Amino acid sequence: MPSPTVVSSFASAALEGSSPNSKKAIDTLLQEPKRVRPRNERQYHRFYEPLVLLFTLGSTRGAPIPDDGADTTTLSSRDARRKFLTALAYACDYEKGGDTVTAIGLEQVPEANIFWVASNKDPIHKIVPFLRKLLSKLAGNAGDEEALEEEISRTCVEFATPRIKKYQSLICQMMSKARSGLTSVESKYGFRRLPLKAE
């Protein structure tokens, strides 16, 4: 990279006979850059401090486990345990809106496994009893996996009924809007709906 004196002499030779404003612009470009302080430096700190903390803590959690429905027998025991805890936490989230979002951690001690449960609302009254019931069903597995899977599915659906009903209501609203939109397009452009053939 050429030195500033070479650039300066080149710029002044190139600008001979040009206006004083052009020379001033070149002189401004050749000056040492000044450090620009942001106007809201406090906001930058508020943003970057949690970002650094998140990055630091994120590296302790390990890489995300792909949830592609693949065979879980190929997972390592650590990844299988993480996937199991994620599924348990999802099953405990029984209301839409974020109050019952749940996180579950597992502490293994020689005497037993300890499940640490946290949610945005107090988990003691509903989530912990449901979790105890679910884990006791899993522990009491007599070998009939198909019947156990059916029973656990039924238990989870019953527990999450408020959430499922909310999703059902939202889907019905979206379907109603889509139907009215299709009706207005049909009437506007003269489209006719084709009858569906029963198979």
Protein backbone atom coordinates (compact mmCIF):
# COMPACT_ATOMS: atom_id res chain seq x y z
CA MET A 1 0.00 0.00 0.00
CA PRO A 2 1.46 3.40 -0.96
CA SER A 3 2.36 5.81 1.82
CA PRO A 4 0.06 8.81 2.54
CA THR A 5 2.67 11.22 1.12
CA VAL A 6 2.70 9.37 -2.22
CA VAL A 7 -1.13 9.35 -2.28
CA SER A 8 -1.16 13.01 -1.30
CA SER A 9 1.27 14.04 -4.04
CA PHE A 10 -0.64 11.92 -6.56
CA ALA A 11 -3.96 13.48 -5.47
CA SER A 12 -2.59 17.02 -5.59
CA ALA A 13 -1.12 16.40 -9.07
CA ALA A 14 -4.44 15.00 -10.24
CA LEU A 15 -6.37 17.92 -8.82
CA GLU A 16 -4.22 20.76 -10.19
CA GLY A 17 -6.48 23.43 -11.51
CA SER A 18 -9.57 21.93 -9.82
CA SER A 19 -11.79 23.70 -7.33
CA PRO A 20 -10.78 24.28 -3.68
CA ASN A 21 -13.67 22.08 -2.55
CA SER A 22 -12.15 19.08 -4.32
CA LYS A 23 -8.80 19.65 -2.62
CA LYS A 24 -10.56 19.95 0.73
CA ALA A 25 -12.36 16.65 0.11
CA ILE A 26 -9.07 14.89 -0.66
CA ASP A 27 -7.43 16.37 2.45
CA THR A 28 -10.36 15.12 4.53
CA LEU A 29 -10.00 11.62 3.09
CA LEU A 30 -6.26 11.52 3.85
CA GLN A 31 -6.68 12.41 7.53
CA GLU A 32 -6.51 9.75 10.20
CA PRO A 33 -9.98 8.30 10.78
CA LYS A 34 -11.65 9.38 14.01
CA ARG A 35 -13.36 6.88 16.26
CA VAL A 36 -17.08 7.38 15.92
CA ARG A 37 -18.87 6.90 19.21
CA PRO A 38 -22.43 5.69 18.87
CA ARG A 39 -25.10 8.02 20.12
CA ASN A 40 -26.72 5.39 22.30
CA GLU A 41 -23.72 3.58 23.67
CA ARG A 42 -25.76 2.33 26.61
CA GLN A 43 -28.11 0.55 24.21
CA TYR A 44 -25.16 -1.15 22.53
CA HIS A 45 -24.00 -2.39 25.93
CA ARG A 46 -27.48 -3.61 26.74
CA PHE A 47 -27.49 -5.58 23.49
CA TYR A 48 -23.95 -6.96 23.41
CA GLU A 49 -23.56 -8.01 27.05
CA PRO A 50 -26.42 -10.54 26.92
CA LEU A 51 -25.26 -11.60 23.45
CA VAL A 52 -21.79 -12.44 24.78
CA LEU A 53 -23.34 -14.27 27.74
CA LEU A 54 -25.63 -16.25 25.43
CA PHE A 55 -22.70 -17.17 23.20
CA THR A 56 -20.66 -18.29 26.22
CA LEU A 57 -23.47 -20.34 27.72
CA GLY A 58 -24.51 -21.70 24.34
CA SER A 59 -21.20 -23.44 23.88
CA THR A 60 -21.83 -25.50 27.05
CA ARG A 61 -25.11 -26.94 25.75
CA GLY A 62 -23.62 -28.79 22.81
CA ALA A 63 -24.74 -28.90 19.20
CA PRO A 64 -28.47 -29.07 18.50
CA ILE A 65 -29.94 -32.50 17.90
CA PRO A 66 -31.64 -32.71 14.50
CA ASP A 67 -35.32 -33.53 14.90
CA ASP A 68 -35.91 -35.21 11.58
CA GLY A 69 -37.80 -38.21 12.93
CA ALA A 70 -34.80 -40.44 12.30
CA ASP A 71 -34.18 -43.65 14.21
CA THR A 72 -33.22 -42.75 17.77
CA THR A 73 -31.20 -45.96 18.22
CA THR A 74 -28.32 -44.33 16.34
CA LEU A 75 -28.04 -41.48 18.86
CA SER A 76 -25.43 -41.49 21.59
CA SER A 77 -26.74 -41.95 25.13
CA ARG A 78 -26.17 -38.24 25.84
CA ASP A 79 -28.11 -37.14 22.74
CA ALA A 80 -30.89 -39.66 23.44
CA ARG A 81 -31.19 -38.31 27.00
CA ARG A 82 -31.36 -34.72 25.69
CA LYS A 83 -34.02 -35.68 23.15
CA PHE A 84 -36.04 -37.46 25.85
CA LEU A 85 -35.90 -34.41 28.15
CA THR A 86 -36.91 -32.12 25.27
CA ALA A 87 -39.91 -34.35 24.52
CA LEU A 88 -40.89 -34.41 28.20
CA ALA A 89 -40.69 -30.61 28.38
CA TYR A 90 -42.83 -30.29 25.24
CA ALA A 91 -45.45 -32.64 26.71
CA CYS A 92 -45.61 -30.47 29.86
CA ASP A 93 -46.48 -27.30 27.89
CA TYR A 94 -50.26 -27.60 28.16
CA GLU A 95 -51.42 -24.04 27.39
CA LYS A 96 -50.75 -21.79 24.41
CA GLY A 97 -49.27 -18.42 25.26
CA GLY A 98 -45.95 -19.13 26.95
CA ASP A 99 -46.94 -19.40 30.62
CA THR A 100 -46.46 -23.16 30.69
CA VAL A 101 -43.30 -23.38 28.58
CA THR A 102 -41.20 -25.90 30.49
CA ALA A 103 -37.54 -26.81 30.76
CA ILE A 104 -36.39 -30.04 32.36
CA GLY A 105 -32.91 -30.97 33.53
CA LEU A 106 -31.72 -34.33 34.78
CA GLU A 107 -29.36 -34.82 37.68
CA GLN A 108 -28.00 -38.32 38.08
CA VAL A 109 -26.99 -39.26 41.60
CA PRO A 110 -26.20 -42.76 42.89
CA GLU A 111 -29.52 -43.05 44.74
CA ALA A 112 -31.87 -41.87 41.97
CA ASN A 113 -32.43 -39.59 39.01
CA ILE A 114 -33.57 -36.09 39.95
CA PHE A 115 -35.65 -34.13 37.45
CA TRP A 116 -35.35 -30.36 37.77
CA VAL A 117 -38.45 -28.66 36.36
CA ALA A 118 -38.86 -24.96 35.55
CA SER A 119 -41.66 -23.13 33.80
CA ASN A 120 -42.79 -19.54 33.37
CA LYS A 121 -45.64 -20.22 35.80
CA ASP A 122 -45.41 -22.21 39.01
CA PRO A 123 -45.01 -25.86 37.88
CA ILE A 124 -45.93 -27.39 41.25
CA HIS A 125 -49.70 -27.56 40.84
CA LYS A 126 -50.15 -29.09 37.38
CA ILE A 127 -46.87 -29.84 35.63
CA VAL A 128 -45.07 -31.77 38.38
CA PRO A 129 -48.03 -34.14 39.10
CA PHE A 130 -48.42 -34.79 35.36
CA LEU A 131 -44.70 -35.45 35.04
CA ARG A 132 -44.76 -37.87 38.00
CA LYS A 133 -47.69 -39.72 36.44
CA LEU A 134 -45.97 -39.91 33.06
CA LEU A 135 -42.64 -41.09 34.48
CA SER A 136 -44.33 -43.72 36.66
CA LYS A 137 -46.04 -45.10 33.54
CA LEU A 138 -42.70 -45.25 31.78
CA ALA A 139 -41.03 -46.92 34.77
CA GLY A 140 -43.83 -49.49 35.07
CA ASN A 141 -43.41 -50.68 31.48
CA ALA A 142 -44.16 -54.40 31.46
CA GLY A 143 -42.90 -54.94 27.92
CA ASP A 144 -45.96 -54.18 25.80
CA GLU A 145 -44.53 -51.13 24.03
CA GLU A 146 -47.51 -50.60 21.74
CA ALA A 147 -50.00 -50.45 24.64
CA LEU A 148 -47.63 -48.18 26.60
CA GLU A 149 -47.25 -45.84 23.62
CA GLU A 150 -51.04 -45.66 23.27
CA GLU A 151 -51.51 -44.94 26.98
CA ILE A 152 -48.82 -42.24 27.07
CA SER A 153 -50.25 -40.59 23.95
CA ARG A 154 -53.71 -40.53 25.51
CA THR A 155 -52.34 -39.10 28.77
CA CYS A 156 -50.42 -36.34 26.95
CA VAL A 157 -53.40 -35.40 24.77
CA GLU A 158 -55.71 -35.23 27.80
CA PHE A 159 -53.22 -33.04 29.65
CA ALA A 160 -52.71 -30.70 26.68
CA THR A 161 -56.42 -30.35 25.86
CA PRO A 162 -56.46 -26.53 26.44
CA ARG A 163 -53.58 -26.09 24.00
CA ILE A 164 -55.13 -28.41 21.41
CA LYS A 165 -58.49 -26.61 21.64
CA LYS A 166 -56.75 -23.25 21.14
CA TYR A 167 -54.97 -24.60 18.02
CA GLN A 168 -58.28 -26.01 16.77
CA SER A 169 -59.92 -22.60 17.21
CA LEU A 170 -57.07 -20.86 15.36
CA ILE A 171 -57.21 -23.36 12.49
CA CYS A 172 -61.00 -22.92 12.19
CA GLN A 173 -60.55 -19.13 12.03
CA MET A 174 -57.90 -19.48 9.30
CA MET A 175 -60.09 -21.90 7.34
CA SER A 176 -63.02 -19.50 7.57
CA LYS A 177 -60.87 -16.62 6.26
CA ALA A 178 -59.53 -18.81 3.45
CA ARG A 179 -63.05 -19.91 2.49
CA SER A 180 -64.33 -16.34 2.40
CA GLY A 181 -61.29 -15.31 0.34
CA LEU A 182 -61.94 -18.11 -2.15
CA THR A 183 -65.61 -17.16 -2.36
CA SER A 184 -64.74 -13.53 -3.13
CA VAL A 185 -62.25 -14.63 -5.83
CA GLU A 186 -64.84 -16.95 -7.34
CA SER A 187 -67.45 -14.21 -7.51
CA LYS A 188 -64.99 -11.58 -8.75
CA TYR A 189 -63.47 -13.62 -11.60
CA GLY A 190 -66.37 -15.97 -12.31
CA PHE A 191 -64.58 -19.16 -11.34
CA ARG A 192 -66.68 -22.20 -10.61
CA ARG A 193 -65.83 -24.72 -7.98
CA LEU A 194 -65.40 -28.23 -9.35
CA PRO A 195 -67.25 -30.94 -7.45
CA LEU A 196 -65.03 -33.45 -5.69
CA LYS A 197 -65.49 -37.05 -6.79
CA ALA A 198 -66.04 -39.59 -4.05
CA GLU A 199 -63.74 -42.55 -4.36
